[in-house]
Amino acid sequence: MLQHLKIENFALIPSLELHFSPGFTVFTGETGSGKSILLGALNLILGERADYTVIRDPQQKTIVEGIFTIKEYDLLPFFEANDLDYSDETSIRREITGQGKSRAFINDTPVQLSILKELSEQLVHIHSQHHTLELKSQSFQFDVLDYLCDTMPLRKEFAAKNTACRQLERSLEEKTRELQKMLQDEDYNRFQLSELEKLNLHKTNYSILEQEQEQMDHFDAIKLTFDSMGELLENENQVLEKLNQLKAIIDKNKNLHPFFESASERLKSIYLEVKDLAYEAQNQQGSIEFNPAKKQELENQLSLYNAALFKHGVKEQAELIAVYENFEQQQSRSGQLQEEITEINSRIIKLKQELTETGDKLHSERLSQKTGIEQNIETLLSELKMENCKVIFELEKTAQANAFGFSTLSLNFSPNAGLAPKAIEKSASGGELSRLMLAIQTLLSQKKKLPGLIFDEIDTGVSGEVAQKLGELLNKMGQKMQLMAITHLPQVAAKGQSHFKVQKSSSTGSTVTEVRKLSSEERIQEIARLMSGEEITNAAVENAKALMN
């Protein structure tokens, strides 16, 4: 229940605090007095998008705060799930600034707007005038039927399965297209893979082969170099012999000067290094040979390798290996895709079977319960002076699934006896639509156990005795929940247990909207005004008293 409402710096409201009671509360006021401003402020704490043009003074924050009594509504799990402090009297606050910032709070804890909206939807619902037109929407008609039939959970289950099935079908289409393209390219890929397999890329080091080819191409120069090394290093009177002779001279006189001893050691190292170099050169010379057949084989192998590098636009063996592995993966992907397609097909078949079972059950339960709902609506309409009306939820089974099951729905209506029910958009006047919506909202509020409901001129298009009956029904609803209504009808206003008047006033060149609770005597005057206009007659006063009993 909404216990307290505080509004600051909102449109024509500089500051306002209202305290509400349980039961049926009415708001009256001249057209343009600011009743819609009050609803706009309430919508802010219900999580609607902020309209920054409502900020009265751009230098100040606009604040709307509501205190709700929630003890009886089992909302503790919501607070725990969202890590919020729970209180039997919960504060919901919205702040917006001229700089385009919006903040939401639950019990002074900042929250995302979606969380604020999720909570507020469980506390109060505002039924605006345009909502009555929703009666003509199939989506709204299904919502009404499923809430009143208790089939909304089944419908959500169906919708989830239907969505999952469509996602699987889209995945199947994508994978089927991918497989078809892959099969079209399969011969080409197989040929490319076969060419690369001949190169034996994982076991052959082509850098070494290129070195071998380089040596074959320069065999004469290499052989000549080795020959020169042998001749100059080892032959008589060449480098080794000269080094040996020099060392002997130094050793003979090494005691004569300190330098000779270190020079002798260094010559010894040089001699050994040169000797080792000569030995290695001799071994290498013995290992080289010119083999024309081997040279031709290397040229052929490297020719294929270089052609493959050029063909696939790469420069190194590692890159060519990556190309090879990619072709391999494509070959294996084909088989994997076929397995995935088979699996998805199986899942679709199973899911469609479940979807059919859920859809059939949903349709059946709607059919079995709709008659009772139609009768309940007709009973309420009878209280609103529509004794001979007929309401039918026309359900038809469909072969194809839609967002609501395997069903189509038309809300058919006949306001008078002897007239065949027709689609609501073709058969109901504005006043009849208002009464029908009130009857439906009455049943919905009972089913949802909603703490609060606000009607914005639900009485549009009705008058006289019908208005009297409508006021009585609203009063009856107010005995089970907190109900508020904005009205221009004295018959409805008279049935309120609390009465607020909305009016404009101007002072110092500024227009403001004021809302104040009326005393019993003020209520009589206000209801009389609704009947006779600004010039209140004695007859209007007496009629107002009679309406208020």
Protein backbone atom coordinates (compact mmCIF):
# COMPACT_ATOMS: atom_id res chain seq x y z
CA MET A 1 0.00 0.00 0.00
CA LEU A 2 1.21 3.51 -0.86
CA GLN A 3 1.33 5.26 2.50
CA HIS A 4 3.17 8.49 1.76
CA LEU A 5 4.10 10.41 -1.39
CA LYS A 6 6.62 13.26 -1.51
CA ILE A 7 7.21 15.36 -4.64
CA GLU A 8 9.73 18.17 -5.02
CA ASN A 9 10.51 20.43 -7.99
CA PHE A 10 8.29 18.53 -10.44
CA ALA A 11 6.55 20.52 -13.20
CA LEU A 12 3.99 22.80 -11.50
CA ILE A 13 4.60 21.21 -8.09
CA PRO A 14 7.34 22.99 -6.09
CA SER A 15 6.80 20.79 -3.03
CA LEU A 16 4.08 18.38 -2.00
CA GLU A 17 3.55 15.69 0.62
CA LEU A 18 0.50 13.42 0.66
CA HIS A 19 -0.56 10.75 3.13
CA PHE A 20 -2.88 7.99 1.96
CA SER A 21 -5.22 5.57 3.70
CA PRO A 22 -6.37 2.08 2.73
CA GLY A 23 -9.55 1.72 0.71
CA PHE A 24 -10.94 3.78 -2.14
CA THR A 25 -9.43 7.25 -2.69
CA VAL A 26 -10.63 9.71 -5.32
CA PHE A 27 -8.98 12.72 -6.96
CA THR A 28 -11.03 15.46 -8.57
CA GLY A 29 -10.21 18.80 -10.13
CA GLU A 30 -10.80 20.97 -13.14
CA THR A 31 -9.45 19.87 -16.49
CA GLY A 32 -5.84 21.08 -16.68
CA SER A 33 -5.49 21.43 -12.93
CA GLY A 34 -2.55 19.02 -12.82
CA LYS A 35 -3.98 15.55 -12.19
CA SER A 36 -1.83 14.17 -15.00
CA ILE A 37 1.22 15.80 -13.34
CA LEU A 38 0.50 13.77 -10.23
CA LEU A 39 0.39 10.57 -12.30
CA GLY A 40 3.62 11.58 -14.05
CA ALA A 41 5.36 11.88 -10.69
CA LEU A 42 4.06 8.48 -9.64
CA ASN A 43 5.29 6.96 -12.89
CA LEU A 44 8.82 8.08 -12.02
CA ILE A 45 8.95 5.87 -8.92
CA LEU A 46 7.34 3.07 -10.93
CA GLY A 47 10.46 2.98 -13.09
CA GLU A 48 9.29 4.84 -16.19
CA ARG A 49 11.84 6.73 -18.29
CA ALA A 50 12.62 10.20 -16.96
CA ASP A 51 11.32 13.24 -18.86
CA TYR A 52 13.79 15.99 -17.95
CA THR A 53 11.40 18.73 -19.12
CA VAL A 54 9.40 18.23 -15.90
CA ILE A 55 12.23 19.69 -13.78
CA ARG A 56 10.75 22.91 -12.41
CA ASP A 57 14.01 24.61 -11.38
CA PRO A 58 16.98 23.29 -13.42
CA GLN A 59 19.33 24.28 -10.60
CA GLN A 60 17.61 21.89 -8.18
CA LYS A 61 17.02 18.15 -8.16
CA THR A 62 13.58 16.76 -8.87
CA ILE A 63 12.70 14.16 -6.24
CA VAL A 64 9.75 11.79 -6.05
CA GLU A 65 9.60 9.41 -3.10
CA GLY A 66 6.96 6.92 -2.07
CA ILE A 67 6.72 5.00 1.20
CA PHE A 68 5.01 1.63 0.75
CA THR A 69 3.74 -0.74 3.44
CA ILE A 70 4.71 -4.19 2.15
CA LYS A 71 4.56 -6.43 5.22
CA GLU A 72 1.75 -8.63 3.86
CA TYR A 73 3.11 -9.22 0.37
CA ASP A 74 5.94 -11.76 0.75
CA LEU A 75 8.59 -9.57 -0.90
CA LEU A 76 11.53 -10.58 1.31
CA PRO A 77 12.92 -13.00 -1.36
CA PHE A 78 13.08 -10.11 -3.86
CA PHE A 79 15.13 -8.00 -1.42
CA GLU A 80 17.45 -10.90 -0.64
CA ALA A 81 17.94 -11.75 -4.32
CA ASN A 82 18.94 -8.16 -5.07
CA ASP A 83 21.02 -7.66 -1.91
CA LEU A 84 18.74 -4.93 -0.56
CA ASP A 85 17.83 -4.04 3.02
CA TYR A 86 14.28 -5.14 3.75
CA SER A 87 11.83 -3.02 5.71
CA ASP A 88 8.07 -3.41 6.26
CA GLU A 89 7.85 0.25 5.27
CA THR A 90 9.94 0.49 2.12
CA SER A 91 11.06 3.71 0.48
CA ILE A 92 11.27 4.01 -3.30
CA ARG A 93 12.92 7.24 -4.48
CA ARG A 94 13.77 8.72 -7.84
CA GLU A 95 16.00 11.73 -8.43
CA ILE A 96 16.63 13.54 -11.72
CA THR A 97 18.73 16.61 -12.45
CA GLY A 98 18.87 19.28 -15.13
CA GLN A 99 22.21 17.83 -16.23
CA GLY A 100 20.43 14.71 -17.50
CA LYS A 101 21.25 12.41 -14.58
CA SER A 102 18.76 9.98 -13.10
CA ARG A 103 19.15 7.90 -9.96
CA ALA A 104 16.88 5.35 -8.29
CA PHE A 105 16.92 4.15 -4.69
CA ILE A 106 15.22 1.42 -2.67
CA ASN A 107 15.56 2.02 1.07
CA ASP A 108 18.34 4.53 0.28
CA THR A 109 20.35 1.93 -1.66
CA PRO A 110 21.11 2.92 -5.29
CA VAL A 111 19.59 0.44 -7.76
CA GLN A 112 19.27 0.02 -11.50
CA LEU A 113 16.01 1.22 -13.01
CA SER A 114 15.08 -2.33 -14.02
CA ILE A 115 15.21 -3.46 -10.37
CA LEU A 116 13.12 -0.48 -9.27
CA LYS A 117 10.56 -1.32 -11.93
CA GLU A 118 10.51 -5.01 -10.99
CA LEU A 119 9.65 -4.11 -7.39
CA SER A 120 7.14 -1.35 -8.14
CA GLU A 121 5.21 -3.57 -10.55
CA GLN A 122 4.45 -5.81 -7.59
CA LEU A 123 3.14 -2.86 -5.54
CA VAL A 124 0.94 -0.67 -7.71
CA HIS A 125 -0.43 -0.46 -11.25
CA ILE A 126 -1.55 2.73 -12.99
CA HIS A 127 -4.32 2.24 -15.52
CA SER A 128 -4.28 5.25 -17.83
CA GLN A 129 -6.98 6.17 -20.30
CA HIS A 130 -5.04 4.81 -23.28
CA HIS A 131 -4.84 1.39 -21.61
CA THR A 132 -8.55 0.88 -22.33
CA LEU A 133 -7.67 0.75 -26.03
CA GLU A 134 -5.49 -2.27 -25.27
CA LEU A 135 -8.70 -4.30 -25.12
CA LYS A 136 -8.49 -4.31 -28.92
CA SER A 137 -4.99 -5.81 -28.85
CA GLN A 138 -4.69 -9.59 -29.17
CA SER A 139 -1.60 -9.50 -26.98
CA PHE A 140 -3.52 -7.84 -24.13
CA GLN A 141 -6.45 -10.21 -24.63
CA PHE A 142 -4.12 -13.19 -24.26
CA ASP A 143 -2.59 -11.59 -21.15
CA VAL A 144 -6.04 -11.21 -19.59
CA LEU A 145 -7.07 -14.76 -20.45
CA ASP A 146 -3.83 -16.35 -19.25
CA TYR A 147 -3.70 -14.41 -15.98
CA LEU A 148 -7.31 -15.25 -15.20
CA CYS A 149 -6.88 -18.90 -16.27
CA ASP A 150 -3.62 -19.25 -14.32
CA THR A 151 -2.01 -20.38 -17.59
CA MET A 152 0.61 -17.60 -17.75
CA PRO A 153 3.38 -19.93 -16.38
CA LEU A 154 2.47 -22.52 -19.04
CA ARG A 155 2.50 -19.83 -21.73
CA LYS A 156 5.95 -18.65 -20.61
CA GLU A 157 7.17 -22.25 -20.73
CA PHE A 158 5.78 -22.55 -24.27
CA ALA A 159 7.39 -19.25 -25.30
CA ALA A 160 10.78 -20.36 -23.94
CA LYS A 161 10.60 -23.66 -25.84
CA ASN A 162 9.42 -21.91 -28.99
CA THR A 163 12.32 -19.46 -28.79
CA ALA A 164 14.79 -22.30 -28.20
CA CYS A 165 13.34 -24.19 -31.18
CA ARG A 166 13.69 -21.16 -33.49
CA GLN A 167 17.28 -20.65 -32.35
CA LEU A 168 18.07 -24.30 -33.11
CA GLU A 169 16.45 -23.99 -36.54
CA ARG A 170 18.54 -20.89 -37.30
CA SER A 171 21.66 -22.76 -36.16
CA LEU A 172 20.69 -25.69 -38.36
CA GLU A 173 20.31 -23.41 -41.39
CA GLU A 174 23.71 -21.82 -40.78
CA LYS A 175 25.50 -25.16 -40.34
CA THR A 176 23.73 -26.64 -43.38
CA ARG A 177 24.87 -23.71 -45.54
CA GLU A 178 28.39 -24.05 -44.17
CA LEU A 179 28.43 -27.78 -44.94
CA GLN A 180 27.10 -27.25 -48.48
CA LYS A 181 29.82 -24.72 -49.21
CA MET A 182 32.41 -27.02 -47.68
CA LEU A 183 31.25 -29.94 -49.82
CA GLN A 184 31.43 -27.74 -52.90
CA ASP A 185 35.05 -26.90 -52.04
CA GLU A 186 35.91 -30.42 -50.96
CA ASP A 187 37.58 -31.57 -54.24
CA TYR A 188 39.67 -28.41 -54.39
CA ASN A 189 40.71 -28.73 -50.72
CA ARG A 190 41.53 -32.41 -51.14
CA PHE A 191 43.78 -31.61 -54.14
CA GLN A 192 45.58 -28.85 -52.22
CA LEU A 193 46.04 -31.13 -49.24
CA SER A 194 47.44 -33.87 -51.46
CA GLU A 195 49.99 -31.48 -52.98
CA LEU A 196 51.16 -30.32 -49.57
CA GLU A 197 51.32 -33.85 -48.17
CA LYS A 198 53.95 -34.68 -50.83
CA LEU A 199 56.24 -32.03 -49.34
CA ASN A 200 56.32 -33.92 -46.01
CA LEU A 201 56.47 -30.56 -44.25
CA HIS A 202 56.46 -31.88 -40.69
CA LYS A 203 59.51 -34.14 -41.21
CA THR A 204 61.61 -32.19 -43.71
CA ASN A 205 63.70 -29.15 -42.84
CA TYR A 206 63.74 -27.15 -46.07
CA SER A 207 66.26 -24.66 -44.67
CA ILE A 208 68.84 -27.49 -44.53
CA LEU A 209 67.92 -28.63 -48.04
CA GLU A 210 68.47 -25.09 -49.31
CA GLN A 211 71.91 -25.09 -47.68
CA GLU A 212 72.72 -28.43 -49.37
CA GLN A 213 71.66 -27.05 -52.73
CA GLU A 214 73.80 -23.97 -52.14
CA GLN A 215 76.82 -26.24 -51.52
CA MET A 216 76.10 -28.28 -54.65
CA ASP A 217 75.91 -25.12 -56.72
CA HIS A 218 79.34 -23.97 -55.42
CA PHE A 219 81.05 -27.34 -55.11
CA ASP A 220 84.23 -26.29 -57.01
CA ALA A 221 84.79 -23.20 -54.88
CA ILE A 222 84.26 -25.18 -51.68
CA LYS A 223 86.70 -27.92 -52.78
CA LEU A 224 89.31 -25.37 -53.78
CA THR A 225 89.02 -23.64 -50.40
CA PHE A 226 89.54 -26.90 -48.50
CA ASP A 227 92.53 -27.76 -50.71
CA SER A 228 94.08 -24.34 -49.99
CA MET A 229 93.58 -24.78 -46.26
CA GLY A 230 95.32 -28.15 -46.29
CA GLU A 231 98.21 -26.94 -48.38
CA LEU A 232 98.82 -23.74 -46.44
CA LEU A 233 98.32 -25.17 -42.97
CA GLU A 234 100.01 -28.56 -43.07
CA ASN A 235 102.49 -28.85 -45.93
CA GLU A 236 106.21 -28.53 -45.26
CA ASN A 237 107.42 -25.00 -44.47
CA GLN A 238 103.77 -23.83 -44.16
CA VAL A 239 101.92 -22.34 -41.18
CA LEU A 240 102.16 -25.20 -38.67
CA GLU A 241 105.88 -25.74 -39.35
CA LYS A 242 106.59 -22.02 -39.07
CA LEU A 243 104.70 -21.80 -35.76
CA ASN A 244 106.63 -24.80 -34.43
CA GLN A 245 109.97 -23.27 -35.40
CA LEU A 246 109.09 -19.92 -33.80
CA LYS A 247 108.01 -21.58 -30.55
CA ALA A 248 111.36 -23.50 -30.38
CA ILE A 249 113.33 -20.25 -30.72
CA ILE A 250 111.29 -18.55 -27.98
CA ASP A 251 111.50 -21.56 -25.63
CA LYS A 252 115.30 -21.57 -26.00
CA ASN A 253 115.50 -17.98 -24.76
CA LYS A 254 112.38 -17.64 -22.59
CA ASN A 255 114.46 -17.04 -19.43
CA LEU A 256 116.07 -13.99 -20.96
CA HIS A 257 112.89 -11.84 -20.93
CA PRO A 258 109.57 -12.05 -19.06
CA PHE A 259 107.53 -11.62 -22.26
CA PHE A 260 108.97 -14.78 -23.87
CA GLU A 261 107.28 -17.10 -21.37
CA SER A 262 103.77 -15.74 -22.06
CA ALA A 263 104.51 -15.61 -25.78
CA SER A 264 105.46 -19.30 -25.70
CA GLU A 265 102.13 -20.23 -24.07
CA ARG A 266 100.17 -18.20 -26.56
CA LEU A 267 102.03 -19.74 -29.51
CA LYS A 268 101.27 -23.14 -28.10
CA SER A 269 97.54 -22.33 -28.05
CA ILE A 270 97.69 -20.91 -31.54
CA TYR A 271 99.55 -23.98 -32.81
CA LEU A 272 96.96 -26.32 -31.30
CA GLU A 273 94.05 -24.26 -32.68
CA VAL A 274 95.54 -24.16 -36.17
CA LYS A 275 96.28 -27.86 -36.03
CA ASP A 276 92.71 -28.57 -34.98
CA LEU A 277 91.45 -26.34 -37.79
CA ALA A 278 93.57 -28.27 -40.29
CA TYR A 279 92.21 -31.58 -38.96
CA GLU A 280 88.60 -30.46 -39.24
CA ALA A 281 89.19 -29.08 -42.71
CA GLN A 282 90.65 -32.40 -43.75
CA ASN A 283 87.62 -34.27 -42.38
CA GLN A 284 85.16 -31.90 -44.05
CA GLN A 285 87.02 -32.21 -47.32
CA GLY A 286 86.66 -35.93 -47.15
CA SER A 287 82.90 -35.71 -46.60
CA ILE A 288 82.04 -33.56 -49.58
CA GLU A 289 81.33 -35.04 -52.93
CA PHE A 290 79.48 -33.93 -55.99
CA ASN A 291 76.47 -36.15 -56.81
CA PRO A 292 74.61 -35.00 -59.92
CA ALA A 293 71.59 -37.21 -59.13
CA LYS A 294 71.36 -35.83 -55.61
CA LYS A 295 71.65 -32.30 -56.98
CA GLN A 296 68.77 -32.92 -59.38
CA GLU A 297 66.65 -34.43 -56.60
CA LEU A 298 67.27 -31.39 -54.38
CA GLU A 299 66.37 -29.02 -57.19
CA ASN A 300 63.12 -30.87 -57.89
CA GLN A 301 62.14 -30.99 -54.19
CA LEU A 302 62.93 -27.33 -53.58
CA SER A 303 61.18 -26.33 -56.77
CA LEU A 304 57.93 -27.92 -55.51
CA TYR A 305 58.43 -26.30 -52.10
CA ASN A 306 59.02 -22.81 -53.53
CA ALA A 307 56.05 -23.20 -55.89
CA ALA A 308 53.86 -24.05 -52.88
CA LEU A 309 55.12 -20.97 -50.99
CA PHE A 310 54.27 -18.76 -53.95
CA LYS A 311 50.90 -20.41 -54.58
CA HIS A 312 49.66 -19.95 -51.03
CA GLY A 313 51.17 -16.49 -50.59
CA VAL A 314 53.50 -17.33 -47.70
CA LYS A 315 57.27 -16.95 -47.16
CA GLU A 316 58.30 -19.55 -44.59
CA GLN A 317 57.88 -23.25 -43.96
CA ALA A 318 56.01 -22.58 -40.68
CA GLU A 319 53.39 -20.55 -42.59
CA LEU A 320 53.05 -23.32 -45.17
CA ILE A 321 52.52 -25.84 -42.38
CA ALA A 322 49.69 -23.59 -41.06
CA VAL A 323 48.09 -23.64 -44.53
CA TYR A 324 48.36 -27.43 -44.59
CA GLU A 325 46.80 -27.75 -41.13
CA ASN A 326 43.97 -25.43 -42.15
CA PHE A 327 43.11 -27.70 -45.09
CA GLU A 328 43.24 -30.67 -42.73
CA GLN A 329 40.87 -28.94 -40.32
CA GLN A 330 38.45 -28.19 -43.14
CA GLN A 331 38.45 -31.84 -44.09
CA SER A 332 37.73 -32.91 -40.51
CA ARG A 333 35.22 -30.03 -40.04
CA SER A 334 33.05 -31.53 -42.75
CA GLY A 335 32.55 -34.71 -40.75
CA GLN A 336 32.11 -32.75 -37.52
CA LEU A 337 29.46 -30.55 -39.15
CA GLN A 338 27.51 -33.58 -40.32
CA GLU A 339 27.51 -34.90 -36.74
CA GLU A 340 26.38 -31.51 -35.38
CA ILE A 341 23.58 -31.27 -37.95
CA THR A 342 22.37 -34.73 -37.01
CA GLU A 343 22.42 -33.82 -33.33
CA ILE A 344 20.57 -30.51 -33.88
CA ASN A 345 17.94 -32.29 -35.96
CA SER A 346 17.37 -34.72 -33.12
CA ARG A 347 17.06 -31.89 -30.60
CA ILE A 348 14.60 -30.02 -32.84
CA ILE A 349 12.43 -33.11 -33.24
CA LYS A 350 12.38 -33.65 -29.46
CA LEU A 351 11.74 -29.97 -28.71
CA LYS A 352 8.94 -29.73 -31.26
CA GLN A 353 7.28 -32.74 -29.66
CA GLU A 354 7.53 -31.04 -26.25
CA LEU A 355 6.30 -27.78 -27.81
CA THR A 356 3.27 -29.53 -29.27
CA GLU A 357 2.45 -31.15 -25.93
CA THR A 358 2.81 -27.85 -24.05
CA GLY A 359 0.82 -25.95 -26.70
CA ASP A 360 -2.00 -28.53 -26.67
CA LYS A 361 -2.14 -28.41 -22.88
CA LEU A 362 -2.17 -24.60 -22.92
CA HIS A 363 -5.02 -24.51 -25.47
CA SER A 364 -6.99 -27.12 -23.56
CA GLU A 365 -6.70 -25.34 -20.21
CA ARG A 366 -7.74 -22.05 -21.76
CA LEU A 367 -10.79 -23.72 -23.32
CA SER A 368 -11.77 -25.45 -20.08
CA GLN A 369 -11.61 -22.27 -17.99
CA LYS A 370 -12.65 -19.47 -20.32
CA THR A 371 -16.38 -20.03 -19.84
CA GLY A 372 -16.11 -19.35 -16.10
CA ILE A 373 -14.08 -16.22 -16.77
CA GLU A 374 -16.61 -14.99 -19.34
CA GLN A 375 -19.38 -15.47 -16.79
CA ASN A 376 -17.43 -13.60 -14.08
CA ILE A 377 -16.91 -10.65 -16.43
CA GLU A 378 -20.58 -10.68 -17.42
CA THR A 379 -21.61 -10.73 -13.75
CA LEU A 380 -19.52 -7.64 -13.03
CA LEU A 381 -20.86 -5.92 -16.14
CA SER A 382 -24.37 -6.72 -14.97
CA GLU A 383 -23.62 -4.68 -11.82
CA LEU A 384 -22.65 -1.85 -14.17
CA LYS A 385 -26.07 -1.87 -15.90
CA MET A 386 -25.07 -4.15 -18.76
CA GLU A 387 -27.37 -7.03 -17.81
CA ASN A 388 -27.72 -8.55 -21.27
CA CYS A 389 -24.14 -8.26 -22.52
CA LYS A 390 -22.20 -11.22 -23.81
CA VAL A 391 -18.42 -11.67 -23.56
CA ILE A 392 -16.68 -14.47 -25.45
CA PHE A 393 -12.99 -15.30 -25.71
CA GLU A 394 -13.06 -16.87 -29.17
CA LEU A 395 -10.17 -19.35 -29.25
CA GLU A 396 -9.10 -21.24 -32.37
CA LYS A 397 -6.42 -23.91 -32.69
CA THR A 398 -3.65 -23.28 -35.22
CA ALA A 399 -1.20 -25.63 -36.87
CA GLN A 400 1.69 -23.19 -36.60
CA ALA A 401 3.13 -21.96 -33.32
CA ASN A 402 3.03 -18.27 -32.46
CA ALA A 403 4.06 -16.19 -29.45
CA PHE A 404 0.94 -17.33 -27.55
CA GLY A 405 0.85 -21.04 -28.34
CA PHE A 406 -1.08 -22.93 -30.99
CA SER A 407 -3.97 -20.51 -30.61
CA THR A 408 -5.49 -17.35 -32.02
CA LEU A 409 -7.82 -15.22 -29.93
CA SER A 410 -10.54 -12.69 -30.52
CA LEU A 411 -12.38 -10.98 -27.68
CA ASN A 412 -15.97 -10.86 -28.93
CA PHE A 413 -18.61 -8.69 -27.31
CA SER A 414 -22.28 -7.97 -27.53
CA PRO A 415 -23.72 -5.15 -25.37
CA ASN A 416 -27.38 -6.08 -25.86
CA ALA A 417 -29.56 -9.15 -26.06
CA GLY A 418 -30.30 -10.33 -29.58
CA LEU A 419 -27.04 -9.07 -31.03
CA ALA A 420 -24.45 -11.62 -32.06
CA PRO A 421 -21.07 -11.03 -30.37
CA LYS A 422 -18.52 -9.37 -32.64
CA ALA A 423 -14.86 -8.44 -32.27
CA ILE A 424 -14.54 -5.88 -29.47
CA GLU A 425 -13.17 -3.17 -31.78
CA LYS A 426 -16.37 -3.35 -33.86
CA SER A 427 -18.98 -3.75 -31.15
CA ALA A 428 -18.25 -1.57 -28.09
CA SER A 429 -18.69 2.16 -27.50
CA GLY A 430 -16.30 4.20 -25.38
CA GLY A 431 -18.44 3.85 -22.26
CA GLU A 432 -18.85 0.12 -22.81
CA LEU A 433 -15.10 -0.27 -23.25
CA SER A 434 -14.53 1.58 -19.95
CA ARG A 435 -16.94 -0.69 -18.08
CA LEU A 436 -15.52 -3.82 -19.67
CA MET A 437 -11.99 -2.77 -18.76
CA LEU A 438 -13.07 -2.03 -15.18
CA ALA A 439 -14.60 -5.49 -14.88
CA ILE A 440 -11.43 -7.09 -16.26
CA GLN A 441 -9.16 -5.02 -14.01
CA THR A 442 -11.31 -6.00 -11.04
CA LEU A 443 -10.72 -9.69 -11.75
CA LEU A 444 -7.03 -9.15 -12.56
CA SER A 445 -6.37 -7.27 -9.33
CA GLN A 446 -7.94 -10.12 -7.36
CA LYS A 447 -5.91 -12.72 -9.23
CA LYS A 448 -2.58 -10.85 -8.99
CA LYS A 449 -3.25 -9.81 -5.37
CA LEU A 450 -1.91 -6.38 -6.31
CA PRO A 451 -1.62 -4.06 -3.27
CA GLY A 452 -2.55 -0.90 -5.19
CA LEU A 453 -4.38 0.12 -8.35
CA ILE A 454 -4.79 3.63 -9.78
CA PHE A 455 -7.44 4.41 -12.41
CA ASP A 456 -7.10 7.50 -14.58
CA GLU A 457 -10.68 8.31 -15.63
CA ILE A 458 -11.84 4.71 -15.97
CA ASP A 459 -15.35 6.20 -15.97
CA THR A 460 -14.94 7.92 -19.36
CA GLY A 461 -18.14 7.68 -21.40
CA VAL A 462 -20.53 6.75 -18.58
CA SER A 463 -23.06 8.80 -16.64
CA GLY A 464 -26.24 8.64 -14.62
CA GLU A 465 -27.14 5.35 -12.98
CA VAL A 466 -24.23 3.59 -14.69
CA ALA A 467 -21.84 6.02 -13.03
CA GLN A 468 -23.53 5.30 -9.70
CA LYS A 469 -23.02 1.55 -10.17
CA LEU A 470 -19.45 2.09 -11.29
CA GLY A 471 -18.71 4.09 -8.14
CA GLU A 472 -20.20 1.33 -6.00
CA LEU A 473 -18.03 -1.27 -7.72
CA LEU A 474 -14.90 0.83 -7.18
CA ASN A 475 -15.82 1.24 -3.53
CA LYS A 476 -16.28 -2.52 -3.27
CA MET A 477 -12.85 -3.10 -4.83
CA GLY A 478 -11.39 -0.62 -2.35
CA GLN A 479 -12.47 -2.85 0.51
CA LYS A 480 -9.95 -5.48 -0.64
CA MET A 481 -7.09 -3.29 -1.85
CA GLN A 482 -5.85 0.28 -2.02
CA LEU A 483 -7.66 1.79 -4.98
CA MET A 484 -7.29 5.32 -6.32
CA ALA A 485 -9.26 6.94 -9.12
CA ILE A 486 -9.09 10.25 -10.94
CA THR A 487 -12.66 11.13 -11.86
CA HIS A 488 -14.95 13.91 -13.10
CA LEU A 489 -18.12 12.09 -12.06
CA PRO A 490 -19.86 13.05 -8.80
CA GLN A 491 -21.35 9.54 -8.51
CA VAL A 492 -17.85 8.04 -8.44
CA ALA A 493 -16.30 10.76 -6.25
CA ALA A 494 -19.07 10.32 -3.68
CA LYS A 495 -18.10 6.68 -3.11
CA GLY A 496 -14.52 7.46 -2.15
CA GLN A 497 -13.44 6.88 1.43
CA SER A 498 -10.80 9.61 1.02
CA HIS A 499 -11.00 12.58 -1.32
CA PHE A 500 -8.21 14.81 -2.67
CA LYS A 501 -8.73 17.91 -4.76
CA VAL A 502 -6.21 19.00 -7.39
CA GLN A 503 -6.21 22.68 -8.35
CA LYS A 504 -3.99 25.38 -9.79
CA SER A 505 -3.17 28.65 -8.13
CA SER A 506 -1.10 31.64 -9.16
CA SER A 507 0.88 34.01 -7.01
CA THR A 508 3.77 36.34 -7.74
CA GLY A 509 3.53 35.43 -11.41
CA SER A 510 4.07 31.70 -10.81
CA THR A 511 1.53 28.92 -11.37
CA VAL A 512 1.57 25.93 -9.07
CA THR A 513 -0.49 22.76 -8.67
CA GLU A 514 -1.80 22.06 -5.21
CA VAL A 515 -3.28 18.81 -3.89
CA ARG A 516 -5.10 18.73 -0.59
CA LYS A 517 -7.26 16.27 1.29
CA LEU A 518 -10.86 17.42 1.72
CA SER A 519 -12.82 17.38 4.92
CA SER A 520 -16.37 15.96 4.95
CA GLU A 521 -17.91 19.41 4.41
CA GLU A 522 -15.41 20.24 1.66
CA ARG A 523 -16.23 16.95 -0.04
CA ILE A 524 -19.92 17.89 -0.14
CA GLN A 525 -19.05 21.20 -1.80
CA GLU A 526 -16.68 19.54 -4.31
CA ILE A 527 -19.20 16.86 -5.31
CA ALA A 528 -21.87 19.53 -5.63
CA ARG A 529 -19.49 21.49 -7.90
CA LEU A 530 -19.05 18.43 -10.09
CA MET A 531 -22.83 18.36 -10.54
CA SER A 532 -23.68 22.04 -10.99
CA GLY A 533 -20.42 23.76 -11.95
CA GLU A 534 -18.77 26.66 -10.18
CA GLU A 535 -22.12 28.12 -9.05
CA ILE A 536 -23.10 25.58 -6.42
CA THR A 537 -26.84 25.36 -5.82
CA ASN A 538 -28.66 24.13 -2.75
CA ALA A 539 -30.12 21.33 -4.82
CA ALA A 540 -26.62 20.23 -5.84
CA VAL A 541 -25.54 20.24 -2.20
CA GLU A 542 -28.50 18.10 -1.20
CA ASN A 543 -27.83 15.73 -4.10
CA ALA A 544 -24.19 15.51 -3.04
CA LYS A 545 -25.23 14.57 0.49
CA ALA A 546 -27.58 11.95 -0.88
CA LEU A 547 -24.86 10.46 -3.08
CA MET A 548 -22.55 10.28 -0.06
CA ASN A 549 -25.31 8.76 2.10
